[in-house]
N, C-alpha and C. Protein backbone atom coordinates (compact mmCIF):
# COMPACT_ATOMS: atom_id res chain seq x y z
N MET A 1 -18.75 4.94 15.81
CA MET A 1 -18.49 5.68 14.88
C MET A 1 -19.07 5.77 13.38
N SER A 2 -18.80 6.78 13.03
CA SER A 2 -19.82 7.25 11.83
C SER A 2 -18.64 6.60 10.39
N ALA A 3 -19.57 7.06 9.53
CA ALA A 3 -18.79 6.62 7.81
C ALA A 3 -18.11 7.87 8.09
N VAL A 4 -16.84 7.32 7.24
CA VAL A 4 -15.76 8.10 6.78
C VAL A 4 -15.58 8.07 5.38
N SER A 5 -16.02 9.54 4.97
CA SER A 5 -15.91 9.87 3.40
C SER A 5 -15.07 10.62 3.10
N VAL A 6 -14.70 11.39 1.86
CA VAL A 6 -14.06 12.42 1.44
C VAL A 6 -14.73 13.22 0.58
N LEU A 7 -15.07 14.67 1.08
CA LEU A 7 -15.88 15.48 0.09
C LEU A 7 -14.96 16.01 -0.82
N CYS A 8 -15.81 16.18 -2.06
CA CYS A 8 -15.43 17.05 -3.26
C CYS A 8 -15.27 18.35 -2.67
N LEU A 9 -14.54 19.12 -3.91
CA LEU A 9 -14.91 20.70 -3.54
C LEU A 9 -16.06 21.26 -3.94
N SER A 10 -16.72 20.61 -4.28
CA SER A 10 -18.51 20.95 -5.00
C SER A 10 -19.18 20.81 -3.57
N GLY A 11 -18.56 19.85 -2.49
CA GLY A 11 -19.49 19.39 -1.65
C GLY A 11 -20.10 17.70 -1.76
N ARG A 12 -20.45 17.55 -2.99
CA ARG A 12 -20.57 15.83 -2.73
C ARG A 12 -19.73 14.77 -2.61
N ILE A 13 -19.90 13.87 -2.26
CA ILE A 13 -19.02 12.93 -1.68
C ILE A 13 -18.82 12.37 -2.70
N ASP A 14 -17.17 11.83 -2.81
CA ASP A 14 -16.39 10.97 -3.67
C ASP A 14 -16.56 10.08 -3.80
N SER A 15 -17.14 9.30 -5.15
CA SER A 15 -17.48 8.11 -5.22
C SER A 15 -16.10 7.26 -4.96
N THR A 16 -15.21 7.48 -4.74
CA THR A 16 -14.02 6.59 -4.86
C THR A 16 -13.59 6.66 -3.03
N SER A 17 -14.10 7.14 -2.72
CA SER A 17 -13.94 7.21 -0.64
C SER A 17 -14.14 5.88 -0.37
N THR A 18 -13.24 5.66 0.81
CA THR A 18 -13.67 4.29 1.33
C THR A 18 -14.40 4.34 2.74
N ASN A 19 -15.32 4.01 3.21
CA ASN A 19 -16.57 4.34 3.74
C ASN A 19 -16.58 3.08 4.79
N PHE A 20 -16.59 3.39 6.01
CA PHE A 20 -17.36 2.14 7.11
C PHE A 20 -18.28 2.60 7.83
N ALA A 21 -19.24 1.38 7.89
CA ALA A 21 -20.68 1.51 8.55
C ALA A 21 -20.33 1.73 10.01
N SER A 22 -19.80 0.99 10.68
CA SER A 22 -19.64 0.86 11.78
C SER A 22 -17.97 0.28 12.09
N ALA A 23 -17.64 0.82 13.72
CA ALA A 23 -16.29 0.49 14.00
C ALA A 23 -15.89 -0.91 14.06
N SER A 24 -16.91 -1.90 14.06
CA SER A 24 -16.44 -3.57 13.99
C SER A 24 -16.47 -3.40 12.62
N ASP A 25 -17.02 -2.77 11.56
CA ASP A 25 -16.53 -2.93 10.39
C ASP A 25 -14.85 -2.50 9.96
N LEU A 26 -14.70 -1.38 10.54
CA LEU A 26 -13.46 -0.66 10.48
C LEU A 26 -12.27 -1.80 11.05
N ALA A 27 -13.04 -2.16 11.98
CA ALA A 27 -11.66 -3.25 12.68
C ALA A 27 -11.73 -4.46 12.36
N SER A 28 -12.80 -5.05 11.39
CA SER A 28 -12.25 -6.01 10.71
C SER A 28 -11.67 -5.70 9.36
N ALA A 29 -11.49 -4.83 9.05
CA ALA A 29 -10.90 -4.44 7.49
C ALA A 29 -9.62 -4.37 7.79
N LEU A 30 -9.31 -3.74 9.31
CA LEU A 30 -7.85 -3.65 9.80
C LEU A 30 -7.17 -4.91 9.98
N ARG A 31 -8.23 -5.56 10.56
CA ARG A 31 -7.52 -7.21 10.88
C ARG A 31 -6.91 -7.85 9.62
N ARG A 32 -8.07 -7.96 8.46
CA ARG A 32 -7.46 -8.26 7.01
C ARG A 32 -6.13 -7.69 6.63
N ALA A 33 -6.16 -6.46 6.81
CA ALA A 33 -4.92 -5.76 6.38
C ALA A 33 -4.24 -6.28 7.19
N GLU A 34 -3.96 -6.58 8.20
CA GLU A 34 -2.63 -7.05 9.21
C GLU A 34 -2.14 -8.07 8.68
N ALA A 35 -3.30 -8.91 8.42
CA ALA A 35 -3.00 -10.41 8.15
C ALA A 35 -2.24 -10.32 6.23
N ALA A 36 -2.38 -9.67 5.72
CA ALA A 36 -2.28 -9.58 4.40
C ALA A 36 -0.90 -8.66 4.90
N HIS A 37 -0.76 -7.74 5.71
CA HIS A 37 0.17 -7.36 5.42
C HIS A 37 1.91 -8.08 6.35
N GLY A 38 1.48 -8.68 6.89
CA GLY A 38 2.38 -9.85 7.33
C GLY A 38 2.89 -10.82 6.34
N GLN A 39 2.20 -11.41 5.39
CA GLN A 39 2.11 -11.87 4.00
C GLN A 39 3.27 -11.27 3.34
N HIS A 40 3.11 -9.86 3.05
CA HIS A 40 3.86 -8.85 2.29
C HIS A 40 5.20 -8.90 2.89
N GLU A 41 5.31 -8.73 4.05
CA GLU A 41 6.62 -8.88 5.06
C GLU A 41 7.19 -9.57 4.90
N LYS A 42 6.37 -11.14 4.99
CA LYS A 42 7.46 -12.36 4.54
C LYS A 42 7.83 -12.28 3.11
N ARG A 43 6.90 -11.90 2.07
CA ARG A 43 7.91 -12.14 1.02
C ARG A 43 8.78 -11.17 0.96
N THR A 44 8.66 -9.68 1.24
CA THR A 44 9.86 -8.40 1.35
C THR A 44 11.03 -9.55 2.20
N GLY A 45 10.97 -10.37 3.05
CA GLY A 45 11.92 -10.35 3.41
C GLY A 45 12.28 -9.22 4.61
N GLN A 46 11.57 -7.96 5.18
CA GLN A 46 11.81 -7.01 5.86
C GLN A 46 10.94 -6.64 6.64
N ARG A 47 10.98 -5.56 7.38
CA ARG A 47 9.95 -4.96 8.24
C ARG A 47 9.54 -3.71 7.55
N ASP A 48 8.37 -3.23 7.18
CA ASP A 48 7.85 -2.26 6.36
C ASP A 48 7.55 -1.24 7.19
N ALA A 49 8.29 -0.01 7.19
CA ALA A 49 8.03 0.78 8.10
C ALA A 49 7.20 2.02 7.52
N ASN A 50 6.74 1.69 6.50
CA ASN A 50 5.76 2.54 6.04
C ASN A 50 4.30 1.36 5.86
N TRP A 51 3.98 1.03 7.03
CA TRP A 51 3.19 0.08 6.97
C TRP A 51 1.66 0.77 7.23
N PRO A 52 1.91 2.20 7.55
CA PRO A 52 0.68 2.74 7.69
C PRO A 52 -0.19 3.03 6.41
N ASP A 53 0.77 3.56 5.28
CA ASP A 53 0.24 3.73 3.87
C ASP A 53 0.13 2.39 3.04
N TRP A 54 0.42 1.27 3.32
CA TRP A 54 0.46 -0.33 2.96
C TRP A 54 -1.32 -0.30 3.00
N TYR A 55 -1.23 -0.50 4.56
CA TYR A 55 -2.48 -0.51 5.18
C TYR A 55 -3.82 -0.02 4.61
N ALA A 56 -3.77 1.73 4.40
CA ALA A 56 -4.16 2.39 4.01
C ALA A 56 -4.94 2.28 2.08
N GLU A 57 -3.82 1.68 1.48
CA GLU A 57 -3.86 1.46 0.07
C GLU A 57 -4.73 0.23 0.13
N TYR A 58 -4.45 -1.24 0.87
CA TYR A 58 -4.99 -2.54 0.93
C TYR A 58 -6.15 -1.99 1.20
N MET A 59 -6.53 -1.53 2.06
CA MET A 59 -8.06 -1.18 2.52
C MET A 59 -9.18 -0.82 1.26
N ALA A 60 -8.32 0.38 1.16
CA ALA A 60 -9.29 1.08 0.07
C ALA A 60 -9.42 0.54 -1.58
N ALA A 61 -8.25 -0.58 -1.56
CA ALA A 61 -8.47 -1.47 -2.78
C ALA A 61 -9.71 -2.39 -2.82
N GLU A 62 -9.29 -3.02 -1.31
CA GLU A 62 -10.71 -3.78 -0.70
C GLU A 62 -12.02 -3.61 -0.88
N GLN A 63 -12.12 -2.35 -0.82
CA GLN A 63 -13.58 -2.00 -0.54
C GLN A 63 -13.71 -1.57 -1.97
N SER A 64 -13.13 -1.03 -2.51
CA SER A 64 -13.23 -0.27 -4.30
C SER A 64 -13.47 -1.57 -4.86
N GLY A 65 -13.18 -2.83 -5.15
CA GLY A 65 -12.73 -4.16 -5.65
C GLY A 65 -11.50 -3.96 -6.31
N LYS A 66 -10.51 -3.21 -6.09
CA LYS A 66 -9.27 -3.24 -7.27
C LYS A 66 -8.54 -4.06 -6.62
N GLU A 67 -7.35 -4.64 -7.28
CA GLU A 67 -6.39 -5.49 -7.52
C GLU A 67 -5.72 -4.77 -5.63
N LEU A 68 -5.21 -5.67 -4.69
CA LEU A 68 -4.88 -5.59 -3.89
C LEU A 68 -3.31 -5.40 -3.75
N PRO A 69 -2.50 -4.72 -3.29
CA PRO A 69 -0.96 -4.35 -3.32
C PRO A 69 -0.84 -5.80 -2.75
N GLN A 70 0.18 -5.83 -3.30
CA GLN A 70 1.32 -7.97 -2.74
C GLN A 70 1.91 -7.22 -1.87
């Protein structure tokens, strides 16, 4: 699996994009997001049907050094 990037209209790579160097790196990020999401669901006391968006937000924030979603 190659790195995933968001391209700007000018054709340059967006510096705020989320990239993974390998499938292994992506899988590790997904596992961390899964563990954090489990804690999120425990705190809220309900299943989160919007989990794909939560995972994406978590993974992007983790990679960029921004505050992680709770």
